Amino acid sequence: MATSTGKFTDGVWGPKHYILAAIGVTLAVSAVAVVTSVILSPARIVFSVTATSTNQVQGAPVLILNFTVDAANPSGRAGVEYSSLTARLRVYSARHRAAAWVQTVVHQAMPLFQPSASSSSFRASAFFDQRFLVSSSGGIDGEDPSIRKNVSGGIKGDRAQRAPPMAVLVRAQVRFKVGLAYSRPYDVEVSCQPVDFFTAAAAGTRIGCAA
């Protein structure tokens, strides 16, 4: 009569089988997590500022400063979804200290999706009042009072170069998309400087930005 040889009966698992199966599942899940993390890792966004210009507000010592924030997405696989994008102007004194902040309006509805290997442009503008920078002595942090005329009047030419230097600070909240999968939200902040609004050549100049 045939007897059992002590081998496992077909379809019956012992403790070692369960342990090996658990290890296999853990490794598979870890591999999927690593692949997903690599695929959805932050892509590079290249920001720059272009098309700077000014418009005088009639009857007031105020200028409208106009500029465009360009965002290039060089990734060949990841798209970018912008949930918000804001910009501020930081105005410096002659001694390169931050003298004032000027909030800008970005003329773009959100959210915005940017496909891979593409660029998006965000038009922005700000009201600039030179009185925010006037010190008690009547100048801009010790500068010659004629600078006030250059800033408020938008005068172009050599004297316009004496206007206070400015930087554009760009902040964005983005998610990256590969296929149907989205990454977690990322906060991006870059500074673009110096930005010139007052010379004739400014409109055709592209200013790079860095984190």
N, C-alpha and C. Protein backbone atom coordinates (compact mmCIF):
# COMPACT_ATOMS: atom_id res chain seq x y z
N MET A 1 0.86 -1.19 0.00
CA MET A 1 0.00 0.00 0.00
C MET A 1 0.89 1.23 0.00
N ALA A 2 0.51 2.20 -0.84
CA ALA A 2 1.29 3.43 -0.92
C ALA A 2 1.09 4.26 0.32
N THR A 3 2.15 4.87 0.79
CA THR A 3 2.06 5.71 1.98
C THR A 3 2.56 7.11 1.66
N SER A 4 2.23 8.09 2.52
CA SER A 4 2.67 9.48 2.33
C SER A 4 4.17 9.58 2.52
N THR A 5 4.79 10.35 1.69
CA THR A 5 6.25 10.54 1.78
C THR A 5 6.64 11.73 2.62
N GLY A 6 5.64 12.46 3.17
CA GLY A 6 5.94 13.64 3.99
C GLY A 6 5.96 14.92 3.21
N LYS A 7 5.77 14.87 1.85
CA LYS A 7 5.74 16.08 1.04
C LYS A 7 4.43 16.81 1.24
N PHE A 8 4.42 18.15 0.93
CA PHE A 8 3.20 18.94 1.05
C PHE A 8 2.18 18.47 0.04
N THR A 9 0.95 18.35 0.47
CA THR A 9 -0.13 18.00 -0.42
C THR A 9 -0.39 19.17 -1.35
N ASP A 10 -0.73 18.91 -2.60
CA ASP A 10 -1.01 19.98 -3.56
C ASP A 10 -2.06 20.93 -3.01
N GLY A 11 -1.77 22.26 -3.12
CA GLY A 11 -2.74 23.26 -2.68
C GLY A 11 -2.64 23.61 -1.21
N VAL A 12 -1.79 22.97 -0.45
CA VAL A 12 -1.65 23.26 0.98
C VAL A 12 -0.33 23.97 1.22
N TRP A 13 -0.40 25.18 1.87
CA TRP A 13 0.80 25.96 2.14
C TRP A 13 1.21 25.80 3.60
N GLY A 14 2.52 25.75 3.79
CA GLY A 14 3.05 25.75 5.14
C GLY A 14 3.57 27.13 5.52
N PRO A 15 4.08 27.28 6.74
CA PRO A 15 4.56 28.59 7.21
C PRO A 15 5.63 29.20 6.31
N LYS A 16 6.55 28.35 5.78
CA LYS A 16 7.61 28.90 4.93
C LYS A 16 7.04 29.52 3.66
N HIS A 17 5.99 28.88 3.12
CA HIS A 17 5.37 29.42 1.91
C HIS A 17 4.79 30.81 2.16
N TYR A 18 4.11 30.98 3.29
CA TYR A 18 3.51 32.28 3.61
C TYR A 18 4.58 33.35 3.82
N ILE A 19 5.67 32.96 4.47
CA ILE A 19 6.76 33.92 4.70
C ILE A 19 7.37 34.36 3.38
N LEU A 20 7.64 33.39 2.50
CA LEU A 20 8.21 33.72 1.20
C LEU A 20 7.25 34.56 0.36
N ALA A 21 5.96 34.24 0.44
CA ALA A 21 4.97 35.02 -0.31
C ALA A 21 4.91 36.45 0.20
N ALA A 22 4.96 36.62 1.53
CA ALA A 22 4.91 37.97 2.12
C ALA A 22 6.13 38.78 1.70
N ILE A 23 7.30 38.12 1.70
CA ILE A 23 8.51 38.82 1.27
C ILE A 23 8.41 39.23 -0.20
N GLY A 24 7.87 38.33 -1.03
CA GLY A 24 7.71 38.65 -2.45
C GLY A 24 6.78 39.82 -2.68
N VAL A 25 5.65 39.86 -1.95
CA VAL A 25 4.71 40.98 -2.08
C VAL A 25 5.36 42.28 -1.64
N THR A 26 6.10 42.23 -0.52
CA THR A 26 6.78 43.43 -0.02
C THR A 26 7.77 43.97 -1.04
N LEU A 27 8.55 43.07 -1.63
CA LEU A 27 9.52 43.51 -2.64
C LEU A 27 8.83 44.10 -3.86
N ALA A 28 7.72 43.48 -4.27
CA ALA A 28 6.99 43.98 -5.43
C ALA A 28 6.43 45.37 -5.17
N VAL A 29 5.84 45.56 -3.97
CA VAL A 29 5.28 46.87 -3.62
C VAL A 29 6.39 47.91 -3.55
N SER A 30 7.54 47.53 -2.97
CA SER A 30 8.66 48.47 -2.88
C SER A 30 9.15 48.86 -4.27
N ALA A 31 9.22 47.89 -5.17
CA ALA A 31 9.67 48.19 -6.53
C ALA A 31 8.72 49.15 -7.23
N VAL A 32 7.41 48.92 -7.06
CA VAL A 32 6.42 49.82 -7.65
C VAL A 32 6.54 51.21 -7.07
N ALA A 33 6.75 51.30 -5.75
CA ALA A 33 6.88 52.61 -5.10
C ALA A 33 8.10 53.35 -5.60
N VAL A 34 9.22 52.63 -5.77
CA VAL A 34 10.44 53.27 -6.27
C VAL A 34 10.25 53.77 -7.69
N VAL A 35 9.66 52.94 -8.55
CA VAL A 35 9.42 53.34 -9.94
C VAL A 35 8.50 54.54 -10.00
N THR A 36 7.42 54.52 -9.20
CA THR A 36 6.48 55.64 -9.18
C THR A 36 7.16 56.91 -8.70
N SER A 37 8.01 56.78 -7.68
CA SER A 37 8.72 57.94 -7.15
C SER A 37 9.64 58.55 -8.19
N VAL A 38 10.33 57.70 -8.95
CA VAL A 38 11.23 58.19 -9.99
C VAL A 38 10.45 58.87 -11.11
N ILE A 39 9.35 58.26 -11.53
CA ILE A 39 8.55 58.81 -12.61
C ILE A 39 7.96 60.16 -12.24
N LEU A 40 7.50 60.30 -10.98
CA LEU A 40 6.82 61.52 -10.55
C LEU A 40 7.74 62.47 -9.79
N SER A 41 9.05 62.27 -9.88
CA SER A 41 9.96 63.20 -9.25
C SER A 41 9.88 64.55 -9.93
N PRO A 42 10.20 65.64 -9.21
CA PRO A 42 10.02 66.98 -9.77
C PRO A 42 10.80 67.18 -11.07
N ALA A 43 10.13 67.68 -12.07
CA ALA A 43 10.79 68.06 -13.31
C ALA A 43 11.35 69.48 -13.16
N ARG A 44 12.19 69.88 -14.07
CA ARG A 44 12.81 71.21 -14.02
C ARG A 44 11.93 72.20 -14.76
N ILE A 45 11.66 73.34 -14.12
CA ILE A 45 10.95 74.44 -14.76
C ILE A 45 11.91 75.62 -14.84
N VAL A 46 12.07 76.18 -16.03
CA VAL A 46 13.00 77.29 -16.24
C VAL A 46 12.20 78.58 -16.38
N PHE A 47 12.36 79.47 -15.40
CA PHE A 47 11.63 80.74 -15.41
C PHE A 47 12.52 81.87 -15.93
N SER A 48 11.90 82.84 -16.59
CA SER A 48 12.60 84.05 -17.02
C SER A 48 11.58 85.18 -17.12
N VAL A 49 12.09 86.41 -17.15
CA VAL A 49 11.25 87.60 -17.24
C VAL A 49 11.56 88.31 -18.55
N THR A 50 10.52 88.66 -19.30
CA THR A 50 10.69 89.33 -20.59
C THR A 50 9.66 90.45 -20.71
N ALA A 51 9.78 91.18 -21.81
CA ALA A 51 8.78 92.18 -22.23
C ALA A 51 8.45 93.18 -21.13
N THR A 52 9.47 93.75 -20.51
CA THR A 52 9.23 94.77 -19.49
C THR A 52 8.90 96.11 -20.16
N SER A 53 7.99 96.84 -19.56
CA SER A 53 7.60 98.15 -20.09
C SER A 53 6.91 98.94 -18.99
N THR A 54 6.67 100.22 -19.25
CA THR A 54 5.97 101.08 -18.30
C THR A 54 4.89 101.88 -19.00
N ASN A 55 3.86 102.21 -18.24
CA ASN A 55 2.81 103.14 -18.68
C ASN A 55 2.58 104.15 -17.58
N GLN A 56 2.51 105.42 -17.95
CA GLN A 56 2.28 106.47 -16.98
C GLN A 56 0.80 106.59 -16.64
N VAL A 57 0.49 106.69 -15.36
CA VAL A 57 -0.87 106.97 -14.93
C VAL A 57 -1.04 108.48 -14.92
N GLN A 58 -1.97 108.96 -15.73
CA GLN A 58 -2.16 110.40 -15.86
C GLN A 58 -2.63 111.02 -14.54
N GLY A 59 -1.99 112.14 -14.19
CA GLY A 59 -2.41 112.89 -13.02
C GLY A 59 -1.96 112.32 -11.70
N ALA A 60 -1.05 111.36 -11.71
CA ALA A 60 -0.59 110.76 -10.46
C ALA A 60 0.86 110.34 -10.61
N PRO A 61 1.64 110.39 -9.51
CA PRO A 61 3.04 109.96 -9.57
C PRO A 61 3.15 108.44 -9.52
N VAL A 62 2.47 107.80 -10.43
CA VAL A 62 2.38 106.33 -10.42
C VAL A 62 2.64 105.80 -11.82
N LEU A 63 3.38 104.71 -11.90
CA LEU A 63 3.60 103.99 -13.14
C LEU A 63 2.94 102.63 -13.07
N ILE A 64 2.54 102.12 -14.23
CA ILE A 64 2.17 100.72 -14.34
C ILE A 64 3.37 99.99 -14.93
N LEU A 65 3.92 99.07 -14.17
CA LEU A 65 5.05 98.27 -14.63
C LEU A 65 4.52 96.96 -15.21
N ASN A 66 4.86 96.69 -16.45
CA ASN A 66 4.38 95.48 -17.13
C ASN A 66 5.55 94.54 -17.40
N PHE A 67 5.30 93.26 -17.25
CA PHE A 67 6.32 92.27 -17.60
C PHE A 67 5.65 90.92 -17.83
N THR A 68 6.39 89.99 -18.39
CA THR A 68 5.89 88.64 -18.65
C THR A 68 6.81 87.63 -18.00
N VAL A 69 6.22 86.71 -17.26
CA VAL A 69 6.97 85.59 -16.69
C VAL A 69 6.84 84.41 -17.66
N ASP A 70 7.95 83.99 -18.23
CA ASP A 70 7.98 82.81 -19.11
C ASP A 70 8.40 81.59 -18.30
N ALA A 71 7.67 80.50 -18.46
CA ALA A 71 7.99 79.25 -17.78
C ALA A 71 8.18 78.16 -18.83
N ALA A 72 9.39 77.65 -18.94
CA ALA A 72 9.70 76.59 -19.91
C ALA A 72 9.76 75.24 -19.19
N ASN A 73 9.06 74.27 -19.75
CA ASN A 73 9.08 72.91 -19.22
C ASN A 73 9.84 72.03 -20.22
N PRO A 74 11.14 71.79 -20.00
CA PRO A 74 11.92 71.04 -20.98
C PRO A 74 11.74 69.53 -20.90
N SER A 75 11.00 69.05 -19.91
CA SER A 75 10.85 67.60 -19.75
C SER A 75 10.12 66.99 -20.95
N GLY A 76 10.61 65.87 -21.40
CA GLY A 76 9.96 65.18 -22.51
C GLY A 76 8.85 64.24 -22.08
N ARG A 77 8.61 64.10 -20.77
CA ARG A 77 7.58 63.16 -20.32
C ARG A 77 6.60 63.74 -19.32
N ALA A 78 7.01 64.74 -18.54
CA ALA A 78 6.17 65.25 -17.46
C ALA A 78 5.51 66.57 -17.85
N GLY A 79 4.19 66.65 -17.67
CA GLY A 79 3.49 67.92 -17.78
C GLY A 79 3.47 68.61 -16.43
N VAL A 80 3.10 69.88 -16.41
CA VAL A 80 3.06 70.66 -15.18
C VAL A 80 1.67 71.26 -15.02
N GLU A 81 1.08 71.07 -13.86
CA GLU A 81 -0.19 71.72 -13.54
C GLU A 81 0.07 72.81 -12.51
N TYR A 82 -0.21 74.06 -12.89
CA TYR A 82 -0.04 75.20 -11.98
C TYR A 82 -1.36 75.43 -11.25
N SER A 83 -1.34 75.32 -9.93
CA SER A 83 -2.53 75.67 -9.16
C SER A 83 -2.51 77.14 -8.76
N SER A 84 -1.31 77.73 -8.71
CA SER A 84 -1.19 79.16 -8.44
C SER A 84 0.16 79.65 -8.93
N LEU A 85 0.22 80.93 -9.30
CA LEU A 85 1.48 81.59 -9.65
C LEU A 85 1.34 83.06 -9.30
N THR A 86 2.23 83.54 -8.44
CA THR A 86 2.22 84.94 -8.03
C THR A 86 3.59 85.55 -8.28
N ALA A 87 3.63 86.87 -8.34
CA ALA A 87 4.90 87.57 -8.53
C ALA A 87 4.89 88.85 -7.70
N ARG A 88 6.05 89.19 -7.17
CA ARG A 88 6.23 90.44 -6.44
C ARG A 88 7.50 91.12 -6.92
N LEU A 89 7.50 92.44 -6.83
CA LEU A 89 8.69 93.22 -7.15
C LEU A 89 9.38 93.63 -5.85
N ARG A 90 10.66 93.37 -5.78
CA ARG A 90 11.45 93.85 -4.65
C ARG A 90 12.30 95.01 -5.14
N VAL A 91 12.08 96.17 -4.57
CA VAL A 91 12.80 97.38 -4.97
C VAL A 91 13.94 97.61 -3.99
N TYR A 92 15.14 97.80 -4.52
CA TYR A 92 16.32 97.95 -3.69
C TYR A 92 16.76 99.41 -3.62
N SER A 93 17.42 99.75 -2.54
CA SER A 93 18.02 101.07 -2.40
C SER A 93 19.38 101.07 -3.08
N ALA A 94 20.04 102.23 -3.07
CA ALA A 94 21.36 102.32 -3.69
C ALA A 94 22.37 101.46 -2.95
N ARG A 95 22.12 101.17 -1.67
CA ARG A 95 23.03 100.34 -0.88
C ARG A 95 22.62 98.88 -0.92
N HIS A 96 21.73 98.54 -1.89
CA HIS A 96 21.34 97.15 -2.16
C HIS A 96 20.66 96.51 -0.96
N ARG A 97 19.88 97.31 -0.25
CA ARG A 97 19.01 96.76 0.78
C ARG A 97 17.59 96.77 0.24
N ALA A 98 16.81 95.78 0.65
CA ALA A 98 15.41 95.74 0.21
C ALA A 98 14.69 96.94 0.79
N ALA A 99 14.18 97.82 -0.08
CA ALA A 99 13.53 99.05 0.37
C ALA A 99 12.02 98.93 0.39
N ALA A 100 11.45 98.12 -0.50
CA ALA A 100 9.99 98.01 -0.57
C ALA A 100 9.60 96.78 -1.37
N TRP A 101 8.40 96.31 -1.11
CA TRP A 101 7.79 95.23 -1.90
C TRP A 101 6.61 95.80 -2.67
N VAL A 102 6.45 95.40 -3.91
CA VAL A 102 5.32 95.82 -4.73
C VAL A 102 4.61 94.57 -5.23
N GLN A 103 3.35 94.43 -4.83
CA GLN A 103 2.57 93.26 -5.26
C GLN A 103 2.12 93.45 -6.71
N THR A 104 2.15 92.38 -7.48
CA THR A 104 1.73 92.44 -8.88
C THR A 104 0.49 91.60 -9.09
N VAL A 105 -0.15 91.83 -10.23
CA VAL A 105 -1.30 91.04 -10.64
C VAL A 105 -0.88 90.18 -11.82
N VAL A 106 -1.06 88.87 -11.70
CA VAL A 106 -0.77 87.95 -12.79
C VAL A 106 -2.07 87.69 -13.54
N HIS A 107 -2.08 88.04 -14.83
CA HIS A 107 -3.31 87.98 -15.62
C HIS A 107 -3.48 86.60 -16.26
N GLN A 108 -3.70 85.60 -15.41
CA GLN A 108 -3.85 84.24 -15.90
C GLN A 108 -4.75 83.46 -14.94
N ALA A 109 -5.82 82.88 -15.47
CA ALA A 109 -6.70 82.06 -14.65
C ALA A 109 -6.00 80.75 -14.28
N MET A 110 -6.30 80.26 -13.09
CA MET A 110 -5.73 79.01 -12.59
C MET A 110 -6.86 78.04 -12.25
N PRO A 111 -6.60 76.73 -12.31
CA PRO A 111 -5.34 76.07 -12.63
C PRO A 111 -5.03 76.10 -14.12
N LEU A 112 -3.77 75.90 -14.44
CA LEU A 112 -3.31 75.88 -15.83
C LEU A 112 -2.43 74.65 -16.02
N PHE A 113 -2.69 73.89 -17.09
CA PHE A 113 -1.86 72.72 -17.38
C PHE A 113 -0.91 73.05 -18.52
N GLN A 114 0.37 72.75 -18.30
CA GLN A 114 1.41 72.97 -19.30
C GLN A 114 1.94 71.61 -19.77
N PRO A 115 1.78 71.29 -21.05
CA PRO A 115 2.26 70.00 -21.55
C PRO A 115 3.78 69.88 -21.46
N SER A 116 4.26 68.67 -21.62
CA SER A 116 5.71 68.45 -21.63
C SER A 116 6.34 69.15 -22.83
N ALA A 117 7.62 69.51 -22.68
CA ALA A 117 8.40 70.14 -23.76
C ALA A 117 7.68 71.34 -24.36
N SER A 118 7.24 72.26 -23.49
CA SER A 118 6.51 73.44 -23.97
C SER A 118 6.81 74.62 -23.04
N SER A 119 6.36 75.80 -23.46
CA SER A 119 6.53 77.01 -22.67
C SER A 119 5.18 77.68 -22.45
N SER A 120 5.04 78.35 -21.32
CA SER A 120 3.84 79.12 -21.00
C SER A 120 4.26 80.52 -20.59
N SER A 121 3.44 81.51 -20.94
CA SER A 121 3.72 82.90 -20.61
C SER A 121 2.63 83.45 -19.71
N PHE A 122 3.05 84.16 -18.66
CA PHE A 122 2.12 84.74 -17.70
C PHE A 122 2.34 86.26 -17.68
N ARG A 123 1.38 87.01 -18.18
CA ARG A 123 1.49 88.47 -18.17
C ARG A 123 1.21 88.99 -16.77
N ALA A 124 1.97 90.00 -16.37
CA ALA A 124 1.81 90.56 -15.03
C ALA A 124 2.00 92.07 -15.08
N SER A 125 1.44 92.76 -14.10
CA SER A 125 1.59 94.21 -14.01
C SER A 125 1.48 94.64 -12.55
N ALA A 126 2.01 95.83 -12.29
CA ALA A 126 2.00 96.35 -10.92
C ALA A 126 1.92 97.86 -10.96
N PHE A 127 1.23 98.43 -9.97
CA PHE A 127 1.23 99.87 -9.78
C PHE A 127 2.43 100.23 -8.92
N PHE A 128 3.25 101.15 -9.42
CA PHE A 128 4.47 101.53 -8.71
C PHE A 128 4.39 103.00 -8.32
N ASP A 129 4.38 103.27 -7.04
CA ASP A 129 4.31 104.63 -6.50
C ASP A 129 5.63 104.95 -5.82
N GLN A 130 6.35 105.95 -6.35
CA GLN A 130 7.66 106.25 -5.82
C GLN A 130 7.60 106.78 -4.40
N ARG A 131 6.44 107.22 -3.94
CA ARG A 131 6.36 107.76 -2.58
C ARG A 131 6.59 106.68 -1.53
N PHE A 132 6.43 105.42 -1.91
CA PHE A 132 6.73 104.35 -0.97
C PHE A 132 8.21 104.33 -0.60
N LEU A 133 9.06 104.89 -1.48
CA LEU A 133 10.49 104.85 -1.26
C LEU A 133 11.07 106.16 -0.75
N VAL A 134 10.27 107.20 -0.61
CA VAL A 134 10.77 108.51 -0.22
C VAL A 134 11.11 108.50 1.27
N SER A 135 12.34 108.88 1.60
CA SER A 135 12.75 108.95 3.00
C SER A 135 12.36 110.29 3.58
N SER A 136 12.59 110.47 4.84
CA SER A 136 12.23 111.72 5.50
C SER A 136 13.03 112.88 4.96
N SER A 137 14.19 112.60 4.35
CA SER A 137 15.02 113.67 3.79
C SER A 137 14.58 114.08 2.40
N GLY A 138 13.58 113.35 1.83
CA GLY A 138 13.05 113.74 0.54
C GLY A 138 13.61 112.96 -0.61
N GLY A 139 14.55 112.03 -0.37
CA GLY A 139 15.12 111.22 -1.44
C GLY A 139 14.79 109.76 -1.22
N ILE A 140 15.30 108.94 -2.09
CA ILE A 140 15.10 107.51 -1.98
C ILE A 140 16.29 106.93 -1.24
N ASP A 141 16.12 106.74 0.08
CA ASP A 141 17.15 106.15 0.91
C ASP A 141 18.50 106.83 0.69
N GLY A 142 18.49 108.18 0.66
CA GLY A 142 19.73 108.92 0.53
C GLY A 142 20.15 109.22 -0.89
N GLU A 143 19.38 108.77 -1.88
CA GLU A 143 19.74 109.03 -3.27
C GLU A 143 19.40 110.47 -3.64
N ASP A 144 19.90 110.89 -4.81
CA ASP A 144 19.58 112.20 -5.35
C ASP A 144 18.07 112.29 -5.60
N PRO A 145 17.41 113.40 -5.21
CA PRO A 145 15.96 113.53 -5.42
C PRO A 145 15.54 113.41 -6.87
N SER A 146 16.47 113.61 -7.83
CA SER A 146 16.09 113.49 -9.24
C SER A 146 15.68 112.08 -9.59
N ILE A 147 16.09 111.10 -8.78
CA ILE A 147 15.69 109.72 -9.03
C ILE A 147 14.18 109.60 -8.95
N ARG A 148 13.57 110.38 -8.04
CA ARG A 148 12.12 110.34 -7.91
C ARG A 148 11.47 110.72 -9.23
N LYS A 149 12.05 111.72 -9.92
CA LYS A 149 11.48 112.13 -11.20
C LYS A 149 11.66 111.02 -12.24
N ASN A 150 12.81 110.37 -12.23
CA ASN A 150 13.05 109.30 -13.18
C ASN A 150 12.07 108.16 -13.00
N VAL A 151 11.80 107.79 -11.74
CA VAL A 151 10.90 106.68 -11.47
C VAL A 151 9.46 107.04 -11.77
N SER A 152 9.01 108.21 -11.27
CA SER A 152 7.61 108.55 -11.42
C SER A 152 7.25 108.91 -12.85
N GLY A 153 8.21 109.47 -13.59
CA GLY A 153 7.89 109.89 -14.94
C GLY A 153 8.22 108.90 -16.01
N GLY A 154 8.92 107.84 -15.64
CA GLY A 154 9.27 106.83 -16.64
C GLY A 154 10.20 107.35 -17.71
N ILE A 155 11.07 108.30 -17.35
CA ILE A 155 11.97 108.90 -18.32
C ILE A 155 12.95 107.85 -18.80
N LYS A 156 13.14 107.78 -20.11
CA LYS A 156 14.07 106.82 -20.68
C LYS A 156 15.38 107.51 -21.04
N GLY A 157 16.44 106.75 -21.15
CA GLY A 157 17.74 107.32 -21.47
C GLY A 157 18.72 107.08 -20.34
N ASP A 158 19.80 107.88 -20.33
CA ASP A 158 20.87 107.67 -19.36
C ASP A 158 20.39 107.87 -17.93
N ARG A 159 19.58 108.92 -17.71
CA ARG A 159 19.17 109.19 -16.35
C ARG A 159 18.27 108.10 -15.80
N ALA A 160 17.56 107.38 -16.70
CA ALA A 160 16.66 106.34 -16.23
C ALA A 160 17.42 105.20 -15.58
N GLN A 161 18.70 105.05 -15.90
CA GLN A 161 19.48 103.98 -15.31
C GLN A 161 19.71 104.20 -13.83
N ARG A 162 19.41 105.39 -13.34
CA ARG A 162 19.58 105.68 -11.93
C ARG A 162 18.36 105.26 -11.12
N ALA A 163 17.34 104.75 -11.77
CA ALA A 163 16.18 104.26 -11.04
C ALA A 163 16.59 103.10 -10.15
N PRO A 164 15.91 102.91 -9.03
CA PRO A 164 16.29 101.84 -8.11
C PRO A 164 16.25 100.48 -8.79
N PRO A 165 17.23 99.62 -8.53
CA PRO A 165 17.19 98.27 -9.11
C PRO A 165 16.03 97.47 -8.54
N MET A 166 15.51 96.57 -9.35
CA MET A 166 14.35 95.77 -8.95
C MET A 166 14.60 94.30 -9.26
N ALA A 167 13.99 93.45 -8.45
CA ALA A 167 14.01 92.01 -8.69
C ALA A 167 12.57 91.52 -8.72
N VAL A 168 12.32 90.49 -9.52
CA VAL A 168 11.00 89.85 -9.57
C VAL A 168 11.09 88.53 -8.82
N LEU A 169 10.24 88.37 -7.83
CA LEU A 169 10.16 87.12 -7.08
C LEU A 169 8.93 86.36 -7.54
N VAL A 170 9.13 85.16 -8.06
CA VAL A 170 8.04 84.33 -8.59
C VAL A 170 7.82 83.14 -7.66
N ARG A 171 6.57 82.93 -7.31
CA ARG A 171 6.21 81.76 -6.50
C ARG A 171 5.09 81.01 -7.21
N ALA A 172 5.23 79.69 -7.23
CA ALA A 172 4.22 78.86 -7.90
C ALA A 172 4.02 77.58 -7.10
N GLN A 173 2.79 77.09 -7.13
CA GLN A 173 2.51 75.75 -6.60
C GLN A 173 2.14 74.87 -7.78
N VAL A 174 2.85 73.77 -7.94
CA VAL A 174 2.68 72.94 -9.12
C VAL A 174 2.58 71.46 -8.74
N ARG A 175 2.02 70.70 -9.66
CA ARG A 175 2.08 69.24 -9.62
C ARG A 175 2.57 68.76 -10.98
N PHE A 176 3.27 67.66 -10.98
CA PHE A 176 3.77 67.10 -12.23
C PHE A 176 2.92 65.89 -12.60
N LYS A 177 2.67 65.75 -13.90
CA LYS A 177 1.80 64.68 -14.38
C LYS A 177 2.53 63.85 -15.43
N VAL A 178 2.54 62.54 -15.21
CA VAL A 178 3.08 61.59 -16.18
C VAL A 178 1.99 60.56 -16.44
N GLY A 179 1.49 60.53 -17.66
CA GLY A 179 0.37 59.65 -17.96
C GLY A 179 -0.87 60.11 -17.21
N LEU A 180 -1.44 59.22 -16.40
CA LEU A 180 -2.61 59.56 -15.59
C LEU A 180 -2.23 59.87 -14.15
N ALA A 181 -0.95 59.75 -13.81
CA ALA A 181 -0.51 59.90 -12.43
C ALA A 181 -0.03 61.32 -12.16
N TYR A 182 -0.39 61.85 -10.98
CA TYR A 182 0.04 63.17 -10.53
C TYR A 182 0.99 63.02 -9.35
N SER A 183 1.96 63.91 -9.27
CA SER A 183 2.84 63.97 -8.11
C SER A 183 2.15 64.73 -6.99
N ARG A 184 2.80 64.78 -5.85
CA ARG A 184 2.32 65.64 -4.77
C ARG A 184 2.57 67.10 -5.16
N PRO A 185 1.93 68.06 -4.50
CA PRO A 185 2.18 69.47 -4.81
C PRO A 185 3.60 69.90 -4.40
N TYR A 186 4.19 70.75 -5.20
CA TYR A 186 5.51 71.32 -4.90
C TYR A 186 5.40 72.84 -4.92
N ASP A 187 6.09 73.49 -3.97
CA ASP A 187 6.20 74.94 -3.95
C ASP A 187 7.51 75.34 -4.61
N VAL A 188 7.42 76.20 -5.61
CA VAL A 188 8.59 76.64 -6.37
C VAL A 188 8.76 78.14 -6.16
N GLU A 189 9.97 78.58 -5.88
CA GLU A 189 10.25 80.01 -5.71
C GLU A 189 11.57 80.35 -6.38
N VAL A 190 11.54 81.38 -7.23
CA VAL A 190 12.75 81.83 -7.92
C VAL A 190 12.82 83.35 -7.86
N SER A 191 14.03 83.87 -7.97
CA SER A 191 14.26 85.31 -8.00
C SER A 191 14.92 85.69 -9.32
N CYS A 192 14.42 86.76 -9.94
CA CYS A 192 14.91 87.20 -11.25
C CYS A 192 15.41 88.64 -11.10
N GLN A 193 16.69 88.85 -11.30
CA GLN A 193 17.23 90.19 -11.10
C GLN A 193 18.55 90.36 -11.86
N PRO A 194 18.95 91.62 -12.14
CA PRO A 194 18.13 92.82 -12.00
C PRO A 194 17.18 92.96 -13.19
N VAL A 195 16.03 93.52 -12.93
CA VAL A 195 15.02 93.71 -13.98
C VAL A 195 14.91 95.20 -14.27
N ASP A 196 15.02 95.56 -15.53
CA ASP A 196 15.01 96.97 -15.94
C ASP A 196 13.68 97.28 -16.63
N PHE A 197 12.97 98.26 -16.10
CA PHE A 197 11.70 98.68 -16.70
C PHE A 197 11.83 100.01 -17.44
N PHE A 198 12.96 100.71 -17.33
CA PHE A 198 12.99 102.12 -17.68
C PHE A 198 13.82 102.47 -18.90
N THR A 199 14.56 101.55 -19.48
CA THR A 199 15.35 101.87 -20.66
C THR A 199 14.69 101.30 -21.90
N ALA A 200 15.04 101.89 -23.05
CA ALA A 200 14.40 101.49 -24.30
C ALA A 200 14.71 100.04 -24.66
N ALA A 201 15.90 99.56 -24.26
CA ALA A 201 16.29 98.19 -24.62
C ALA A 201 15.68 97.14 -23.70
N ALA A 202 15.00 97.58 -22.65
CA ALA A 202 14.52 96.63 -21.65
C ALA A 202 13.51 95.64 -22.22
N ALA A 203 12.66 96.11 -23.13
CA ALA A 203 11.58 95.25 -23.63
C ALA A 203 12.11 94.01 -24.34
N GLY A 204 13.29 94.11 -24.95
CA GLY A 204 13.82 92.97 -25.68
C GLY A 204 14.81 92.13 -24.90
N THR A 205 14.92 92.38 -23.61
CA THR A 205 15.88 91.67 -22.77
C THR A 205 15.21 90.54 -22.01
N ARG A 206 15.85 89.38 -21.98
CA ARG A 206 15.35 88.25 -21.20
C ARG A 206 16.21 88.10 -19.95
N ILE A 207 15.54 88.13 -18.80
CA ILE A 207 16.23 88.04 -17.51
C ILE A 207 16.04 86.63 -16.95
N GLY A 208 17.14 85.95 -16.67
CA GLY A 208 17.06 84.61 -16.11
C GLY A 208 16.70 84.63 -14.64
N CYS A 209 16.14 83.54 -14.17
CA CYS A 209 15.73 83.40 -12.77
C CYS A 209 16.43 82.19 -12.15
N ALA A 210 16.66 82.28 -10.85
CA ALA A 210 17.32 81.18 -10.14
C ALA A 210 16.66 80.98 -8.79
N ALA A 211 16.69 79.74 -8.31
CA ALA A 211 16.11 79.42 -7.01
C ALA A 211 16.97 79.99 -5.90
